[in-house]
Every structure is written in structure tokens, then in C-alpha cells.
Amino acid sequence: MTMDVTTQPFIQSARFVTIRLCAAMTGLSPAAIEKRIERGIWLENKEWRRGRDGRIWIDTKGIEAWVLETE
């Protein structure tokens, strides 16, 4: 079975993603992401944000900037 190009879904990247999706995108485990947050390696309002419902959202632009930082 082949899919017609017109029936394939369009997927656009998002700036803010869940921990689970961030894990799939980066290859890190959800636990590794949570540890970075808990240890303060990734900072709130820089690499991640908390939504109104209390859920953590990872800022993909913030993570990109963190990776590109030099010491």
C-alpha cells in the first residue's frame, strides 16, 4: 500500500513541546530531561516553561541555544 502525497499529513515543528516529544526529538530519555530540570541545568523560562495547567513545556529554541552556548 502506498500513500498519495496529497494524503500525507503536514507536520510543522513547534517551539514548545512536551517532555515526551522532546525525548523523541533529541534521543534523551524523559528521565534525563526531568533530571536536567530538577538539577537546574535547564532553567525555567529559558529552556522550559510551566503551562497554566502546571504541565512542563520544553522550549526547543531554548534548548537549541543551550546546546550552542560556549563556556
C-alpha atoms as a PDB file:
ATOM      1  CA  MET A   1       0.000   0.000   0.000  1.00  0.00           C
ATOM      2  CA  THR A   2       1.373   3.407  -0.952  1.00  0.00           C
ATOM      3  CA  MET A   3       0.243   6.791   0.236  1.00  0.00           C
ATOM      4  CA  ASP A   4      -0.549   9.530  -2.195  1.00  0.00           C
ATOM      5  CA  VAL A   5       1.464  12.661  -1.427  1.00  0.00           C
ATOM      6  CA  THR A   6      -1.760  14.634  -1.063  1.00  0.00           C
ATOM      7  CA  THR A   7      -2.982  12.380   1.782  1.00  0.00           C
ATOM      8  CA  GLN A   8       0.150  12.634   3.926  1.00  0.00           C
ATOM      9  CA  PRO A   9      -0.274  14.835   6.991  1.00  0.00           C
ATOM     10  CA  PHE A  10       1.569  18.118   7.197  1.00  0.00           C
ATOM     11  CA  ILE A  11       3.654  18.315  10.351  1.00  0.00           C
ATOM     12  CA  GLN A  12       5.028  21.647  11.440  1.00  0.00           C
ATOM     13  CA  SER A  13       7.625  21.965  14.182  1.00  0.00           C
ATOM     14  CA  ALA A  14       6.510  23.586  17.421  1.00  0.00           C
ATOM     15  CA  ARG A  15       8.511  25.804  19.709  1.00  0.00           C
ATOM     16  CA  PHE A  16       7.095  24.288  22.894  1.00  0.00           C
ATOM     17  CA  VAL A  17       6.832  20.512  23.210  1.00  0.00           C
ATOM     18  CA  THR A  18       6.075  18.034  25.965  1.00  0.00           C
ATOM     19  CA  ILE A  19       8.850  16.174  27.733  1.00  0.00           C
ATOM     20  CA  ARG A  20       7.816  13.014  25.891  1.00  0.00           C
ATOM     21  CA  LEU A  21       8.064  14.652  22.463  1.00  0.00           C
ATOM     22  CA  CYS A  22      11.340  16.355  23.387  1.00  0.00           C
ATOM     23  CA  ALA A  23      12.703  12.932  24.307  1.00  0.00           C
ATOM     24  CA  ALA A  24      11.688  11.534  20.921  1.00  0.00           C
ATOM     25  CA  MET A  25      13.226  14.517  19.125  1.00  0.00           C
ATOM     26  CA  THR A  26      16.544  14.553  20.983  1.00  0.00           C
ATOM     27  CA  GLY A  27      17.179  10.919  21.891  1.00  0.00           C
ATOM     28  CA  LEU A  28      17.310  11.810  25.585  1.00  0.00           C
ATOM     29  CA  SER A  29      15.105   9.817  27.929  1.00  0.00           C
ATOM     30  CA  PRO A  30      12.230  11.591  29.677  1.00  0.00           C
ATOM     31  CA  ALA A  31      14.058  10.888  32.971  1.00  0.00           C
ATOM     32  CA  ALA A  32      17.213  12.611  31.657  1.00  0.00           C
ATOM     33  CA  ILE A  33      15.171  15.664  30.678  1.00  0.00           C
ATOM     34  CA  GLU A  34      13.476  15.742  34.087  1.00  0.00           C
ATOM     35  CA  LYS A  35      16.873  15.496  35.833  1.00  0.00           C
ATOM     36  CA  ARG A  36      18.197  18.454  33.821  1.00  0.00           C
ATOM     37  CA  ILE A  37      15.199  20.449  35.038  1.00  0.00           C
ATOM     38  CA  GLU A  38      15.455  19.240  38.675  1.00  0.00           C
ATOM     39  CA  ARG A  39      19.194  19.968  38.856  1.00  0.00           C
ATOM     40  CA  GLY A  40      18.802  23.431  37.361  1.00  0.00           C
ATOM     41  CA  ILE A  41      20.823  22.626  34.250  1.00  0.00           C
ATOM     42  CA  TRP A  42      17.824  23.674  32.168  1.00  0.00           C
ATOM     43  CA  LEU A  43      16.274  26.814  33.642  1.00  0.00           C
ATOM     44  CA  GLU A  44      12.624  27.780  33.886  1.00  0.00           C
ATOM     45  CA  ASN A  45      11.628  30.459  31.364  1.00  0.00           C
ATOM     46  CA  LYS A  46      14.825  29.766  29.444  1.00  0.00           C
ATOM     47  CA  GLU A  47      14.869  26.078  28.418  1.00  0.00           C
ATOM     48  CA  TRP A  48      11.426  25.184  29.764  1.00  0.00           C
ATOM     49  CA  ARG A  49       8.179  26.731  30.959  1.00  0.00           C
ATOM     50  CA  ARG A  50       5.262  25.657  33.086  1.00  0.00           C
ATOM     51  CA  GLY A  51       1.832  25.992  31.489  1.00  0.00           C
ATOM     52  CA  ARG A  52      -1.243  27.322  33.243  1.00  0.00           C
ATOM     53  CA  ASP A  53      -2.253  23.742  33.981  1.00  0.00           C
ATOM     54  CA  GLY A  54       1.116  23.033  35.647  1.00  0.00           C
ATOM     55  CA  ARG A  55       2.441  20.933  32.771  1.00  0.00           C
ATOM     56  CA  ILE A  56       6.076  21.376  31.770  1.00  0.00           C
ATOM     57  CA  TRP A  57       6.735  22.506  28.215  1.00  0.00           C
ATOM     58  CA  ILE A  58      10.231  22.319  26.742  1.00  0.00           C
ATOM     59  CA  ASP A  59      11.295  25.337  24.683  1.00  0.00           C
ATOM     60  CA  THR A  60      13.033  23.920  21.613  1.00  0.00           C
ATOM     61  CA  LYS A  61      14.631  27.305  20.836  1.00  0.00           C
ATOM     62  CA  GLY A  62      15.897  27.486  24.413  1.00  0.00           C
ATOM     63  CA  ILE A  63      17.392  24.005  24.151  1.00  0.00           C
ATOM     64  CA  GLU A  64      18.993  24.909  20.839  1.00  0.00           C
ATOM     65  CA  ALA A  65      20.591  27.992  22.431  1.00  0.00           C
ATOM     66  CA  TRP A  66      21.749  25.881  25.401  1.00  0.00           C
ATOM     67  CA  VAL A  67      23.460  23.401  23.052  1.00  0.00           C
ATOM     68  CA  LEU A  68      25.185  26.226  21.175  1.00  0.00           C
ATOM     69  CA  GLU A  69      26.437  28.004  24.320  1.00  0.00           C
ATOM     70  CA  THR A  70      30.173  28.034  24.813  1.00  0.00           C
ATOM     71  CA  GLU A  71      31.875  28.243  28.165  1.00  0.00           C
END
